[in-house]
């Protein structure tokens, strides 16, 4: 009986731990196509993801429709007059983001690391 109760308690704790969004709040940086430096400043509130990145000319671009669930995230931002959807995966201390390629090309993926 005790073994069953402990197993149930462990499973509930594990579910709660893995179902909550990870807190990636803070500054993250990486390179797109090994050429372009990018930075993101994320803010997490429950499953809501907000923040900003910078355009090529340095102007801030606000992230919209941001969601984070477990180790998955998504958001949109305006790029050249169009809303661009970005999806991502958090693993350890890295975030891999993927966005559509230009003119319908192959998707572009890049890795972000937390700025210390």
N, C-alpha and C. Protein backbone atom coordinates (compact mmCIF):
# COMPACT_ATOMS: atom_id res chain seq x y z
N UNK A 1 0.82 -1.20 0.00
CA UNK A 1 0.00 0.00 0.00
C UNK A 1 0.87 1.26 0.00
N UNK A 2 1.87 1.30 0.86
CA UNK A 2 2.76 2.46 0.93
C UNK A 2 3.53 2.61 -0.37
N UNK A 3 3.97 1.49 -0.93
CA UNK A 3 4.72 1.53 -2.19
C UNK A 3 3.86 2.13 -3.30
N UNK A 4 2.60 1.76 -3.35
CA UNK A 4 1.67 2.29 -4.36
C UNK A 4 1.47 3.79 -4.17
N UNK A 5 1.32 4.23 -2.93
CA UNK A 5 1.12 5.65 -2.64
C UNK A 5 2.37 6.45 -3.00
N UNK A 6 3.55 5.94 -2.68
CA UNK A 6 4.79 6.63 -3.02
C UNK A 6 4.99 6.71 -4.54
N UNK A 7 4.67 5.63 -5.24
CA UNK A 7 4.78 5.62 -6.70
C UNK A 7 3.83 6.65 -7.30
N UNK A 8 2.60 6.70 -6.82
CA UNK A 8 1.63 7.69 -7.31
C UNK A 8 2.11 9.11 -7.03
N UNK A 9 2.62 9.35 -5.84
CA UNK A 9 3.11 10.69 -5.49
C UNK A 9 4.27 11.09 -6.39
N UNK A 10 5.18 10.15 -6.66
CA UNK A 10 6.32 10.43 -7.54
C UNK A 10 5.85 10.77 -8.95
N UNK A 11 4.89 10.02 -9.47
CA UNK A 11 4.39 10.27 -10.82
C UNK A 11 3.70 11.63 -10.92
N UNK A 12 2.94 11.99 -9.91
CA UNK A 12 2.28 13.30 -9.90
C UNK A 12 3.33 14.41 -9.86
N UNK A 13 4.34 14.27 -9.02
CA UNK A 13 5.41 15.26 -8.94
C UNK A 13 6.15 15.38 -10.26
N UNK A 14 6.45 14.25 -10.88
CA UNK A 14 7.13 14.27 -12.18
C UNK A 14 6.28 14.96 -13.23
N UNK A 15 5.00 14.69 -13.26
CA UNK A 15 4.10 15.33 -14.22
C UNK A 15 4.06 16.85 -14.02
N UNK A 16 3.95 17.27 -12.78
CA UNK A 16 3.91 18.71 -12.48
C UNK A 16 5.21 19.37 -12.90
N UNK A 17 6.33 18.72 -12.62
CA UNK A 17 7.63 19.28 -12.96
C UNK A 17 7.79 19.45 -14.46
N UNK A 18 7.42 18.45 -15.25
CA UNK A 18 7.65 18.50 -16.68
C UNK A 18 6.55 19.23 -17.45
N UNK A 19 5.39 19.44 -16.85
CA UNK A 19 4.31 20.11 -17.57
C UNK A 19 4.40 21.62 -17.48
N UNK A 20 5.14 22.15 -16.52
CA UNK A 20 5.27 23.60 -16.39
C UNK A 20 6.28 24.12 -17.41
N UNK A 21 6.04 25.32 -17.85
CA UNK A 21 6.95 25.95 -18.80
C UNK A 21 8.29 26.23 -18.12
N UNK A 22 9.34 26.08 -18.90
CA UNK A 22 10.66 26.40 -18.38
C UNK A 22 10.83 27.91 -18.35
N UNK A 23 11.56 28.39 -17.37
CA UNK A 23 11.77 29.83 -17.26
C UNK A 23 13.04 30.20 -18.02
N UNK A 24 12.84 30.73 -19.22
CA UNK A 24 13.96 31.16 -20.05
C UNK A 24 14.11 32.67 -20.00
N UNK A 25 13.50 33.29 -18.98
CA UNK A 25 13.58 34.74 -18.84
C UNK A 25 15.03 35.19 -18.86
N UNK A 26 15.30 36.21 -19.67
CA UNK A 26 16.65 36.76 -19.75
C UNK A 26 17.11 36.92 -21.18
N UNK A 27 18.37 37.25 -21.33
CA UNK A 27 18.95 37.53 -22.65
C UNK A 27 19.61 36.26 -23.21
N UNK A 28 19.35 36.01 -24.49
CA UNK A 28 19.89 34.86 -25.21
C UNK A 28 20.50 35.35 -26.52
N UNK A 29 21.57 34.71 -26.98
CA UNK A 29 22.25 35.15 -28.20
C UNK A 29 22.68 33.96 -29.04
N UNK A 30 22.81 34.21 -30.34
CA UNK A 30 23.28 33.18 -31.26
C UNK A 30 23.59 33.78 -32.61
N UNK A 31 23.81 32.90 -33.60
CA UNK A 31 24.11 33.32 -34.96
C UNK A 31 23.16 32.62 -35.92
N UNK A 32 22.62 33.38 -36.86
CA UNK A 32 21.77 32.81 -37.91
C UNK A 32 22.64 32.57 -39.12
N UNK A 33 22.59 31.36 -39.65
CA UNK A 33 23.36 30.95 -40.83
C UNK A 33 24.85 31.27 -40.66
N UNK A 34 25.34 31.16 -39.44
CA UNK A 34 26.75 31.42 -39.11
C UNK A 34 27.24 32.79 -39.57
N UNK A 35 26.32 33.74 -39.79
CA UNK A 35 26.71 35.05 -40.28
C UNK A 35 26.15 36.20 -39.46
N UNK A 36 24.90 36.09 -39.04
CA UNK A 36 24.21 37.21 -38.43
C UNK A 36 24.01 36.98 -36.94
N UNK A 37 24.56 37.89 -36.14
CA UNK A 37 24.36 37.82 -34.69
C UNK A 37 22.94 38.22 -34.36
N UNK A 38 22.30 37.46 -33.48
CA UNK A 38 20.96 37.77 -33.01
C UNK A 38 20.93 37.69 -31.49
N UNK A 39 20.09 38.52 -30.90
CA UNK A 39 19.85 38.44 -29.46
C UNK A 39 18.35 38.50 -29.22
N UNK A 40 17.92 37.80 -28.22
CA UNK A 40 16.53 37.80 -27.79
C UNK A 40 16.50 38.08 -26.31
N UNK A 41 15.54 38.87 -25.88
CA UNK A 41 15.30 39.12 -24.47
C UNK A 41 13.92 38.56 -24.15
N UNK A 42 13.88 37.38 -23.52
CA UNK A 42 12.63 36.69 -23.25
C UNK A 42 12.13 37.01 -21.85
N UNK A 43 10.79 36.99 -21.71
CA UNK A 43 10.14 37.09 -20.40
C UNK A 43 9.05 36.03 -20.36
N UNK A 44 9.05 35.22 -19.32
CA UNK A 44 8.07 34.14 -19.17
C UNK A 44 7.18 34.45 -17.97
N UNK A 45 5.86 34.31 -18.19
CA UNK A 45 4.88 34.45 -17.13
C UNK A 45 3.89 33.30 -17.31
N UNK A 46 4.10 32.21 -16.56
CA UNK A 46 3.29 31.00 -16.76
C UNK A 46 3.61 30.40 -18.12
N UNK A 47 2.60 30.31 -18.98
CA UNK A 47 2.80 29.80 -20.34
C UNK A 47 2.87 30.93 -21.36
N UNK A 48 2.88 32.18 -20.87
CA UNK A 48 2.94 33.32 -21.77
C UNK A 48 4.40 33.74 -21.97
N UNK A 49 4.79 33.90 -23.23
CA UNK A 49 6.14 34.30 -23.58
C UNK A 49 6.09 35.66 -24.27
N UNK A 50 6.84 36.61 -23.74
CA UNK A 50 6.94 37.93 -24.36
C UNK A 50 8.42 38.26 -24.48
N UNK A 51 8.69 39.40 -25.09
CA UNK A 51 10.07 39.83 -25.20
C UNK A 51 10.32 40.58 -26.49
N UNK A 52 11.60 40.63 -26.88
CA UNK A 52 11.97 41.38 -28.07
C UNK A 52 13.27 40.84 -28.65
N UNK A 53 13.49 41.17 -29.91
CA UNK A 53 14.75 40.92 -30.60
C UNK A 53 15.08 42.22 -31.31
N UNK A 54 16.15 42.25 -32.08
CA UNK A 54 16.52 43.45 -32.82
C UNK A 54 16.55 43.17 -34.30
N UNK A 55 16.14 44.17 -35.08
CA UNK A 55 16.22 44.07 -36.53
C UNK A 55 17.64 44.29 -36.99
N UNK A 56 17.90 44.09 -38.27
CA UNK A 56 19.25 44.26 -38.81
C UNK A 56 19.82 45.66 -38.55
N UNK A 57 18.95 46.66 -38.46
CA UNK A 57 19.41 48.02 -38.21
C UNK A 57 19.45 48.36 -36.72
N UNK A 58 19.17 47.37 -35.86
CA UNK A 58 19.22 47.57 -34.42
C UNK A 58 17.93 48.01 -33.77
N UNK A 59 16.87 48.22 -34.56
CA UNK A 59 15.60 48.62 -33.96
C UNK A 59 14.96 47.44 -33.24
N UNK A 60 14.34 47.69 -32.09
CA UNK A 60 13.71 46.59 -31.36
C UNK A 60 12.47 46.06 -32.09
N UNK A 61 12.30 44.75 -32.05
CA UNK A 61 11.13 44.08 -32.64
C UNK A 61 10.46 43.30 -31.52
N UNK A 62 9.21 43.62 -31.25
CA UNK A 62 8.46 42.97 -30.17
C UNK A 62 7.97 41.59 -30.60
N UNK A 63 8.13 40.62 -29.71
CA UNK A 63 7.60 39.27 -29.95
C UNK A 63 6.12 39.29 -29.63
N UNK A 64 5.32 38.60 -30.44
CA UNK A 64 3.88 38.54 -30.24
C UNK A 64 3.40 37.10 -30.21
N UNK A 65 2.23 36.89 -29.64
CA UNK A 65 1.59 35.57 -29.61
C UNK A 65 2.50 34.49 -29.03
N UNK A 66 3.33 34.86 -28.07
CA UNK A 66 4.30 33.92 -27.51
C UNK A 66 3.68 32.93 -26.54
N UNK A 67 4.04 31.67 -26.71
CA UNK A 67 3.57 30.59 -25.84
C UNK A 67 4.75 29.70 -25.52
N UNK A 68 4.83 29.24 -24.28
CA UNK A 68 5.84 28.28 -23.88
C UNK A 68 5.16 27.20 -23.06
N UNK A 69 5.34 25.96 -23.48
CA UNK A 69 4.77 24.80 -22.78
C UNK A 69 5.85 23.75 -22.68
N UNK A 70 6.24 23.46 -21.44
CA UNK A 70 7.31 22.48 -21.26
C UNK A 70 8.57 22.97 -21.92
N UNK A 71 9.10 22.17 -22.87
CA UNK A 71 10.32 22.59 -23.57
C UNK A 71 10.05 23.09 -24.99
N UNK A 72 8.77 23.36 -25.31
CA UNK A 72 8.40 23.90 -26.61
C UNK A 72 7.98 25.36 -26.48
N UNK A 73 8.33 26.17 -27.49
CA UNK A 73 7.92 27.55 -27.49
C UNK A 73 7.60 27.99 -28.91
N UNK A 74 6.81 29.05 -29.02
CA UNK A 74 6.52 29.65 -30.31
C UNK A 74 6.16 31.11 -30.11
N UNK A 75 6.40 31.90 -31.15
CA UNK A 75 6.03 33.30 -31.14
C UNK A 75 6.05 33.80 -32.58
N UNK A 76 5.52 34.99 -32.78
CA UNK A 76 5.59 35.64 -34.09
C UNK A 76 6.24 37.02 -33.90
N UNK A 77 6.80 37.51 -34.99
CA UNK A 77 7.27 38.89 -35.01
C UNK A 77 7.18 39.41 -36.43
N UNK A 78 7.11 40.71 -36.56
CA UNK A 78 6.98 41.34 -37.88
C UNK A 78 8.36 41.47 -38.51
N UNK A 79 8.50 40.90 -39.72
CA UNK A 79 9.75 40.98 -40.45
C UNK A 79 9.43 41.39 -41.88
N UNK A 80 9.93 42.54 -42.30
CA UNK A 80 9.69 43.06 -43.64
C UNK A 80 8.19 43.14 -43.96
N UNK A 81 7.41 43.58 -42.97
CA UNK A 81 5.98 43.77 -43.17
C UNK A 81 5.14 42.52 -43.07
N UNK A 82 5.74 41.38 -42.79
CA UNK A 82 5.00 40.13 -42.66
C UNK A 82 5.21 39.55 -41.27
N UNK A 83 4.17 38.87 -40.76
CA UNK A 83 4.32 38.15 -39.50
C UNK A 83 5.06 36.85 -39.77
N UNK A 84 6.13 36.65 -39.02
CA UNK A 84 6.94 35.44 -39.15
C UNK A 84 6.75 34.60 -37.91
N UNK A 85 6.36 33.32 -38.09
CA UNK A 85 6.18 32.42 -36.96
C UNK A 85 7.49 31.68 -36.69
N UNK A 86 7.88 31.69 -35.44
CA UNK A 86 9.09 31.01 -35.00
C UNK A 86 8.69 29.95 -33.99
N UNK A 87 9.25 28.76 -34.12
CA UNK A 87 9.03 27.69 -33.15
C UNK A 87 10.38 27.34 -32.54
N UNK A 88 10.34 26.75 -31.36
CA UNK A 88 11.60 26.43 -30.72
C UNK A 88 11.50 25.28 -29.75
N UNK A 89 12.67 24.79 -29.38
CA UNK A 89 12.80 23.68 -28.45
C UNK A 89 13.91 24.02 -27.47
N UNK A 90 13.62 23.85 -26.18
CA UNK A 90 14.60 24.12 -25.14
C UNK A 90 15.21 22.78 -24.72
N UNK A 91 16.54 22.74 -24.70
CA UNK A 91 17.22 21.53 -24.24
C UNK A 91 18.45 21.97 -23.45
N UNK A 92 18.46 21.58 -22.19
CA UNK A 92 19.53 21.97 -21.28
C UNK A 92 19.62 23.50 -21.25
N UNK A 93 20.77 24.05 -21.63
CA UNK A 93 20.95 25.50 -21.59
C UNK A 93 20.99 26.11 -23.00
N UNK A 94 20.32 25.46 -23.95
CA UNK A 94 20.27 25.92 -25.34
C UNK A 94 18.81 25.99 -25.81
N UNK A 95 18.55 26.93 -26.72
CA UNK A 95 17.24 27.01 -27.38
C UNK A 95 17.49 26.93 -28.87
N UNK A 96 16.86 25.99 -29.53
CA UNK A 96 16.94 25.90 -30.99
C UNK A 96 15.66 26.50 -31.56
N UNK A 97 15.82 27.55 -32.36
CA UNK A 97 14.69 28.22 -32.99
C UNK A 97 14.67 27.88 -34.48
N UNK A 98 13.45 27.77 -35.03
CA UNK A 98 13.27 27.49 -36.46
C UNK A 98 12.25 28.46 -37.00
N UNK A 99 12.58 29.04 -38.17
CA UNK A 99 11.67 29.97 -38.84
C UNK A 99 11.67 29.67 -40.32
N UNK A 100 10.62 30.11 -41.04
CA UNK A 100 10.56 29.83 -42.47
C UNK A 100 11.72 30.50 -43.21
N UNK A 101 12.18 29.83 -44.28
CA UNK A 101 13.23 30.41 -45.11
C UNK A 101 12.67 31.52 -45.98
N UNK A 102 13.54 32.32 -46.51
CA UNK A 102 13.12 33.43 -47.37
C UNK A 102 12.55 32.91 -48.68
N UNK A 103 11.51 33.56 -49.15
CA UNK A 103 10.87 33.23 -50.43
C UNK A 103 10.49 31.75 -50.54
N UNK A 104 10.01 31.17 -49.45
CA UNK A 104 9.56 29.78 -49.46
C UNK A 104 10.68 28.77 -49.44
N UNK A 105 11.89 29.21 -49.13
CA UNK A 105 13.03 28.30 -49.07
C UNK A 105 12.99 27.40 -47.85
N UNK A 106 14.02 26.61 -47.70
CA UNK A 106 14.13 25.70 -46.56
C UNK A 106 14.08 26.47 -45.25
N UNK A 107 13.49 25.87 -44.21
CA UNK A 107 13.45 26.52 -42.90
C UNK A 107 14.86 26.81 -42.40
N UNK A 108 14.97 27.85 -41.61
CA UNK A 108 16.25 28.26 -41.03
C UNK A 108 16.21 27.94 -39.54
N UNK A 109 17.20 27.19 -39.07
CA UNK A 109 17.33 26.88 -37.65
C UNK A 109 18.61 27.46 -37.11
N UNK A 110 18.56 27.89 -35.86
CA UNK A 110 19.75 28.42 -35.20
C UNK A 110 19.62 28.19 -33.70
N UNK A 111 20.76 28.21 -33.03
CA UNK A 111 20.82 27.89 -31.60
C UNK A 111 21.17 29.14 -30.80
N UNK A 112 20.44 29.32 -29.71
CA UNK A 112 20.70 30.42 -28.79
C UNK A 112 21.28 29.88 -27.48
N UNK A 113 22.17 30.65 -26.88
CA UNK A 113 22.71 30.34 -25.57
C UNK A 113 22.42 31.51 -24.65
N UNK A 114 22.23 31.20 -23.38
CA UNK A 114 21.95 32.27 -22.41
C UNK A 114 23.18 33.15 -22.26
N UNK A 115 22.95 34.47 -22.26
CA UNK A 115 24.02 35.44 -22.07
C UNK A 115 24.21 35.59 -20.57
N UNK A 116 25.44 35.44 -20.11
CA UNK A 116 25.71 35.49 -18.68
C UNK A 116 26.14 36.86 -18.25
